[in-house]
Amino acid sequence: MAGKRLSTKAQMTRSSLVTAAALILREDGPAAVTYRNVAKKAGAASSAVGYYFDSIDEVLKEAAEFNMREWAERAEKAADVAEAMTPEMARDQVVGLLLRACLPEAFDVPAAHYEQLIMAAQSKVVTAVYRRGRVRLSEANARILKRAGFPEVDPSVVSALVDGAAVAGISEGNPVREEARRVLTDAFDLLRAAQAR
């Protein structure tokens, strides 16, 4: 569709196809993103996907970009909240701010979130987009850490702690957010103690 000017209705149709593909990607992984499944999820004709997209890789790329945009924007909003606080407030609330940045708000089925991240490996297109998107997540976490007085903490370590705690919570049947909060709280208590020396 590169170079084609679309009417408002066509833009809406194309957007609904991307949204449907992003949802399928999150729920069932890249292999489930087919022309037929995307059309069905969007309530469109099967031919619509082929009309608006040159290939399934283009659909996957735009679906992955949609997902990463949502995740990055969530993290950036948390960073904006942190930067609107005094440094002392951000320091007191650093764990909650980082959880807000790292974990989806609607986390009803946390296992599905991590399953779809693992399934992303089925598609080089999706992994490339997710890799680039992870940079925005790390940058948002770095902003939170800086405002809270922890600029020396590598934001990728925070992501690793949250993801590790989440997977542990899922595998042990514990609430994911509570498990991640406990792990981050312990880590920042240690950091505060080290800074106080």
C-alpha atoms as a PDB file:
ATOM      1  CA  MET A   1       0.000   0.000   0.000  1.00  0.00           C
ATOM      2  CA  ALA A   2       3.037   2.272  -0.025  1.00  0.00           C
ATOM      3  CA  GLY A   3       2.285   5.480  -1.877  1.00  0.00           C
ATOM      4  CA  LYS A   4      -1.490   4.915  -2.146  1.00  0.00           C
ATOM      5  CA  ARG A   5      -3.704   7.706  -0.803  1.00  0.00           C
ATOM      6  CA  LEU A   6      -6.538   6.217   1.194  1.00  0.00           C
ATOM      7  CA  SER A   7      -9.971   7.648   1.857  1.00  0.00           C
ATOM      8  CA  THR A   8     -11.027   8.114   5.460  1.00  0.00           C
ATOM      9  CA  LYS A   9     -13.118   4.937   5.283  1.00  0.00           C
ATOM     10  CA  ALA A  10     -10.194   2.990   3.799  1.00  0.00           C
ATOM     11  CA  GLN A  11      -7.851   4.336   6.485  1.00  0.00           C
ATOM     12  CA  MET A  12     -10.315   3.177   9.147  1.00  0.00           C
ATOM     13  CA  THR A  13     -10.552  -0.273   7.559  1.00  0.00           C
ATOM     14  CA  ARG A  14      -6.772  -0.582   7.345  1.00  0.00           C
ATOM     15  CA  SER A  15      -6.428   0.594  10.962  1.00  0.00           C
ATOM     16  CA  SER A  16      -8.980  -1.986  12.129  1.00  0.00           C
ATOM     17  CA  LEU A  17      -6.978  -4.698  10.346  1.00  0.00           C
ATOM     18  CA  VAL A  18      -3.763  -3.611  12.096  1.00  0.00           C
ATOM     19  CA  THR A  19      -5.544  -3.545  15.463  1.00  0.00           C
ATOM     20  CA  ALA A  20      -6.968  -7.024  14.844  1.00  0.00           C
ATOM     21  CA  ALA A  21      -3.560  -8.356  13.810  1.00  0.00           C
ATOM     22  CA  ALA A  22      -1.967  -6.825  16.930  1.00  0.00           C
ATOM     23  CA  LEU A  23      -4.530  -8.545  19.124  1.00  0.00           C
ATOM     24  CA  ILE A  24      -3.974 -11.886  17.400  1.00  0.00           C
ATOM     25  CA  LEU A  25      -0.214 -11.418  17.762  1.00  0.00           C
ATOM     26  CA  ARG A  26      -0.597 -10.761  21.504  1.00  0.00           C
ATOM     27  CA  GLU A  27      -3.016 -13.638  22.069  1.00  0.00           C
ATOM     28  CA  ASP A  28      -1.767 -16.371  19.745  1.00  0.00           C
ATOM     29  CA  GLY A  29       1.654 -15.393  18.379  1.00  0.00           C
ATOM     30  CA  PRO A  30       2.937 -14.587  14.886  1.00  0.00           C
ATOM     31  CA  ALA A  31       1.964 -17.900  13.302  1.00  0.00           C
ATOM     32  CA  ALA A  32      -1.714 -17.117  13.936  1.00  0.00           C
ATOM     33  CA  VAL A  33      -1.503 -13.801  12.040  1.00  0.00           C
ATOM     34  CA  THR A  34      -2.914 -14.920   8.695  1.00  0.00           C
ATOM     35  CA  TYR A  35      -4.989 -12.993   6.173  1.00  0.00           C
ATOM     36  CA  ARG A  36      -8.038 -15.081   7.090  1.00  0.00           C
ATOM     37  CA  ASN A  37      -7.638 -14.706  10.883  1.00  0.00           C
ATOM     38  CA  VAL A  38      -7.006 -10.966  10.667  1.00  0.00           C
ATOM     39  CA  ALA A  39     -10.017 -10.415   8.422  1.00  0.00           C
ATOM     40  CA  LYS A  40     -12.246 -12.506  10.686  1.00  0.00           C
ATOM     41  CA  LYS A  41     -11.093 -10.679  13.847  1.00  0.00           C
ATOM     42  CA  ALA A  42     -11.654  -7.296  12.164  1.00  0.00           C
ATOM     43  CA  GLY A  43     -15.022  -8.318  10.715  1.00  0.00           C
ATOM     44  CA  ALA A  44     -13.768  -7.646   7.191  1.00  0.00           C
ATOM     45  CA  ALA A  45     -13.667  -9.604   3.966  1.00  0.00           C
ATOM     46  CA  SER A  46     -10.643 -11.892   3.593  1.00  0.00           C
ATOM     47  CA  SER A  47      -9.649 -10.030   0.448  1.00  0.00           C
ATOM     48  CA  ALA A  48      -9.342  -6.775   2.429  1.00  0.00           C
ATOM     49  CA  VAL A  49      -6.074  -7.826   4.048  1.00  0.00           C
ATOM     50  CA  GLY A  50      -4.489  -8.605   0.691  1.00  0.00           C
ATOM     51  CA  TYR A  51      -5.744  -5.306  -0.674  1.00  0.00           C
ATOM     52  CA  TYR A  52      -4.283  -3.152   2.115  1.00  0.00           C
ATOM     53  CA  PHE A  53      -1.044  -5.071   2.738  1.00  0.00           C
ATOM     54  CA  ASP A  54       1.579  -6.340   0.318  1.00  0.00           C
ATOM     55  CA  SER A  55       2.538  -9.353   2.457  1.00  0.00           C
ATOM     56  CA  ILE A  56       1.940 -11.082   5.768  1.00  0.00           C
ATOM     57  CA  ASP A  57       5.298  -9.682   6.920  1.00  0.00           C
ATOM     58  CA  GLU A  58       3.929  -6.175   6.422  1.00  0.00           C
ATOM     59  CA  VAL A  59       0.892  -7.097   8.536  1.00  0.00           C
ATOM     60  CA  LEU A  60       3.161  -8.565  11.241  1.00  0.00           C
ATOM     61  CA  LYS A  61       5.445  -5.524  11.216  1.00  0.00           C
ATOM     62  CA  GLU A  62       2.573  -3.088  11.661  1.00  0.00           C
ATOM     63  CA  ALA A  63       0.902  -5.270  14.304  1.00  0.00           C
ATOM     64  CA  ALA A  64       4.157  -5.508  16.263  1.00  0.00           C
ATOM     65  CA  GLU A  65       4.679  -1.743  15.943  1.00  0.00           C
ATOM     66  CA  PHE A  66       1.140  -1.198  17.247  1.00  0.00           C
ATOM     67  CA  ASN A  67       1.863  -3.390  20.291  1.00  0.00           C
ATOM     68  CA  MET A  68       5.228  -1.796  21.014  1.00  0.00           C
ATOM     69  CA  ARG A  69       3.775   1.696  20.650  1.00  0.00           C
ATOM     70  CA  GLU A  70       1.182   0.844  23.313  1.00  0.00           C
ATOM     71  CA  TRP A  71       3.807  -0.570  25.669  1.00  0.00           C
ATOM     72  CA  ALA A  72       6.256   2.293  25.118  1.00  0.00           C
ATOM     73  CA  GLU A  73       3.570   4.938  25.562  1.00  0.00           C
ATOM     74  CA  ARG A  74       2.503   3.327  28.833  1.00  0.00           C
ATOM     75  CA  ALA A  75       6.099   3.443  30.073  1.00  0.00           C
ATOM     76  CA  GLU A  76       6.567   7.013  28.867  1.00  0.00           C
ATOM     77  CA  LYS A  77       3.408   8.104  30.721  1.00  0.00           C
ATOM     78  CA  ALA A  78       4.841   6.596  33.904  1.00  0.00           C
ATOM     79  CA  ALA A  79       8.083   8.506  33.282  1.00  0.00           C
ATOM     80  CA  ASP A  80       6.092  11.724  32.742  1.00  0.00           C
ATOM     81  CA  VAL A  81       4.355  11.158  36.086  1.00  0.00           C
ATOM     82  CA  ALA A  82       7.730  10.601  37.769  1.00  0.00           C
ATOM     83  CA  GLU A  83       9.203  13.768  36.277  1.00  0.00           C
ATOM     84  CA  ALA A  84       6.204  15.786  37.477  1.00  0.00           C
ATOM     85  CA  MET A  85       6.990  14.687  41.043  1.00  0.00           C
ATOM     86  CA  THR A  86       9.628  16.065  43.337  1.00  0.00           C
ATOM     87  CA  PRO A  87      12.728  13.853  43.412  1.00  0.00           C
ATOM     88  CA  GLU A  88      11.797  12.816  46.959  1.00  0.00           C
ATOM     89  CA  MET A  89       8.303  11.720  45.904  1.00  0.00           C
ATOM     90  CA  ALA A  90       9.692   9.848  42.900  1.00  0.00           C
ATOM     91  CA  ARG A  91      12.205   8.122  45.164  1.00  0.00           C
ATOM     92  CA  ASP A  92       9.439   7.065  47.563  1.00  0.00           C
ATOM     93  CA  GLN A  93       7.267   5.786  44.696  1.00  0.00           C
ATOM     94  CA  VAL A  94       9.978   4.386  42.405  1.00  0.00           C
ATOM     95  CA  VAL A  95       8.772   0.790  42.670  1.00  0.00           C
ATOM     96  CA  GLY A  96       5.180   1.663  41.765  1.00  0.00           C
ATOM     97  CA  LEU A  97       6.324   3.884  38.906  1.00  0.00           C
ATOM     98  CA  LEU A  98       8.542   1.164  37.448  1.00  0.00           C
ATOM     99  CA  LEU A  99       5.777  -1.438  37.754  1.00  0.00           C
ATOM    100  CA  ARG A 100       3.428   0.951  35.984  1.00  0.00           C
ATOM    101  CA  ALA A 101       6.004   1.293  33.200  1.00  0.00           C
ATOM    102  CA  CYS A 102       6.872  -2.405  32.904  1.00  0.00           C
ATOM    103  CA  LEU A 103       3.608  -4.300  33.361  1.00  0.00           C
ATOM    104  CA  PRO A 104       0.424  -3.937  31.319  1.00  0.00           C
ATOM    105  CA  GLU A 105      -2.391  -2.299  33.290  1.00  0.00           C
ATOM    106  CA  ALA A 106      -4.941  -4.931  32.293  1.00  0.00           C
ATOM    107  CA  PHE A 107      -2.924  -7.869  33.506  1.00  0.00           C
ATOM    108  CA  ASP A 108      -5.786 -10.336  33.914  1.00  0.00           C
ATOM    109  CA  VAL A 109      -3.924 -13.179  32.200  1.00  0.00           C
ATOM    110  CA  PRO A 110      -0.225 -12.437  32.797  1.00  0.00           C
ATOM    111  CA  ALA A 111       0.904 -15.758  31.363  1.00  0.00           C
ATOM    112  CA  ALA A 112      -0.493 -14.716  27.978  1.00  0.00           C
ATOM    113  CA  HIS A 113       1.685 -11.580  27.965  1.00  0.00           C
ATOM    114  CA  TYR A 114       4.856 -13.602  28.452  1.00  0.00           C
ATOM    115  CA  GLU A 115       3.767 -16.401  26.126  1.00  0.00           C
ATOM    116  CA  GLN A 116       3.294 -13.916  23.304  1.00  0.00           C
ATOM    117  CA  LEU A 117       6.730 -12.409  23.949  1.00  0.00           C
ATOM    118  CA  ILE A 118       8.260 -15.879  23.678  1.00  0.00           C
ATOM    119  CA  MET A 119       6.200 -16.680  20.571  1.00  0.00           C
ATOM    120  CA  ALA A 120       7.521 -13.496  18.938  1.00  0.00           C
ATOM    121  CA  ALA A 121      10.650 -15.528  18.180  1.00  0.00           C
ATOM    122  CA  GLN A 122       8.633 -17.290  15.463  1.00  0.00           C
ATOM    123  CA  SER A 123       8.982 -14.188  13.297  1.00  0.00           C
ATOM    124  CA  LYS A 124      12.149 -12.236  12.522  1.00  0.00           C
ATOM    125  CA  VAL A 125       9.965  -9.268  11.591  1.00  0.00           C
ATOM    126  CA  VAL A 126       8.296  -9.223  15.016  1.00  0.00           C
ATOM    127  CA  THR A 127      11.518  -9.748  16.981  1.00  0.00           C
ATOM    128  CA  ALA A 128      13.174  -6.860  15.098  1.00  0.00           C
ATOM    129  CA  VAL A 129      10.287  -4.520  15.943  1.00  0.00           C
ATOM    130  CA  TYR A 130      10.171  -5.664  19.574  1.00  0.00           C
ATOM    131  CA  ARG A 131      13.940  -5.207  19.892  1.00  0.00           C
ATOM    132  CA  ARG A 132      13.672  -1.607  18.671  1.00  0.00           C
ATOM    133  CA  GLY A 133      10.653  -0.981  20.879  1.00  0.00           C
ATOM    134  CA  ARG A 134      12.457  -2.243  23.951  1.00  0.00           C
ATOM    135  CA  VAL A 135      14.786   0.761  23.607  1.00  0.00           C
ATOM    136  CA  ARG A 136      11.864   3.115  24.265  1.00  0.00           C
ATOM    137  CA  LEU A 137      10.861   1.089  27.329  1.00  0.00           C
ATOM    138  CA  SER A 138      14.414   1.273  28.665  1.00  0.00           C
ATOM    139  CA  GLU A 139      14.595   5.013  28.021  1.00  0.00           C
ATOM    140  CA  ALA A 140      11.364   5.551  29.987  1.00  0.00           C
ATOM    141  CA  ASN A 141      12.668   3.435  32.870  1.00  0.00           C
ATOM    142  CA  ALA A 142      15.925   5.411  32.811  1.00  0.00           C
ATOM    143  CA  ARG A 143      13.944   8.648  33.180  1.00  0.00           C
ATOM    144  CA  ILE A 144      12.119   7.231  36.221  1.00  0.00           C
ATOM    145  CA  LEU A 145      15.356   5.989  37.762  1.00  0.00           C
ATOM    146  CA  LYS A 146      17.091   9.326  37.204  1.00  0.00           C
ATOM    147  CA  ARG A 147      14.248  11.321  38.764  1.00  0.00           C
ATOM    148  CA  ALA A 148      14.175   8.949  41.740  1.00  0.00           C
ATOM    149  CA  GLY A 149      17.907   9.343  42.357  1.00  0.00           C
ATOM    150  CA  PHE A 150      19.048   6.002  40.962  1.00  0.00           C
ATOM    151  CA  PRO A 151      20.763   7.029  37.700  1.00  0.00           C
ATOM    152  CA  GLU A 152      23.392   4.310  38.091  1.00  0.00           C
ATOM    153  CA  VAL A 153      20.810   1.524  37.787  1.00  0.00           C
ATOM    154  CA  ASP A 154      20.711  -0.076  34.342  1.00  0.00           C
ATOM    155  CA  PRO A 155      17.063   0.025  33.153  1.00  0.00           C
ATOM    156  CA  SER A 156      17.459  -3.394  31.533  1.00  0.00           C
ATOM    157  CA  VAL A 157      18.159  -4.816  35.006  1.00  0.00           C
ATOM    158  CA  VAL A 158      14.817  -3.435  36.173  1.00  0.00           C
ATOM    159  CA  SER A 159      13.067  -5.119  33.224  1.00  0.00           C
ATOM    160  CA  ALA A 160      14.859  -8.371  33.976  1.00  0.00           C
ATOM    161  CA  LEU A 161      13.842  -8.232  37.649  1.00  0.00           C
ATOM    162  CA  VAL A 162      10.206  -7.505  36.799  1.00  0.00           C
ATOM    163  CA  ASP A 163      10.050 -10.163  34.076  1.00  0.00           C
ATOM    164  CA  GLY A 164      11.783 -12.734  36.283  1.00  0.00           C
ATOM    165  CA  ALA A 165       9.447 -12.002  39.189  1.00  0.00           C
ATOM    166  CA  ALA A 166       6.448 -12.185  36.866  1.00  0.00           C
ATOM    167  CA  VAL A 167       7.450 -15.571  35.496  1.00  0.00           C
ATOM    168  CA  ALA A 168       8.109 -16.839  39.032  1.00  0.00           C
ATOM    169  CA  GLY A 169       4.700 -15.566  40.119  1.00  0.00           C
ATOM    170  CA  ILE A 170       3.002 -17.232  37.153  1.00  0.00           C
ATOM    171  CA  SER A 171       4.765 -20.565  37.693  1.00  0.00           C
ATOM    172  CA  GLU A 172       4.077 -20.563  41.445  1.00  0.00           C
ATOM    173  CA  GLY A 173       0.477 -19.357  41.207  1.00  0.00           C
ATOM    174  CA  ASN A 174       1.196 -16.064  42.979  1.00  0.00           C
ATOM    175  CA  PRO A 175      -0.161 -12.648  41.946  1.00  0.00           C
ATOM    176  CA  VAL A 176       2.327 -11.297  39.399  1.00  0.00           C
ATOM    177  CA  ARG A 177       2.154  -7.631  40.356  1.00  0.00           C
ATOM    178  CA  GLU A 178       2.657  -8.437  44.045  1.00  0.00           C
ATOM    179  CA  GLU A 179       5.604 -10.715  43.265  1.00  0.00           C
ATOM    180  CA  ALA A 180       7.231  -8.068  41.061  1.00  0.00           C
ATOM    181  CA  ARG A 181       6.592  -5.404  43.716  1.00  0.00           C
ATOM    182  CA  ARG A 182       8.264  -7.562  46.366  1.00  0.00           C
ATOM    183  CA  VAL A 183      11.342  -8.215  44.220  1.00  0.00           C
ATOM    184  CA  LEU A 184      11.750  -4.564  43.211  1.00  0.00           C
ATOM    185  CA  THR A 185      11.165  -3.349  46.767  1.00  0.00           C
ATOM    186  CA  ASP A 186      13.900  -5.666  48.049  1.00  0.00           C
ATOM    187  CA  ALA A 187      16.277  -4.496  45.301  1.00  0.00           C
ATOM    188  CA  PHE A 188      15.679  -0.794  45.995  1.00  0.00           C
ATOM    189  CA  ASP A 189      15.958  -1.301  49.759  1.00  0.00           C
ATOM    190  CA  LEU A 190      19.440  -2.741  49.117  1.00  0.00           C
ATOM    191  CA  LEU A 191      20.307   0.190  46.828  1.00  0.00           C
ATOM    192  CA  ARG A 192      19.140   2.736  49.400  1.00  0.00           C
ATOM    193  CA  ALA A 193      21.204   0.994  52.071  1.00  0.00           C
ATOM    194  CA  ALA A 194      24.274   1.042  49.798  1.00  0.00           C
ATOM    195  CA  GLN A 195      23.777   4.730  49.010  1.00  0.00           C
ATOM    196  CA  ALA A 196      23.466   5.550  52.715  1.00  0.00           C
ATOM    197  CA  ARG A 197      26.922   4.111  53.472  1.00  0.00           C
END
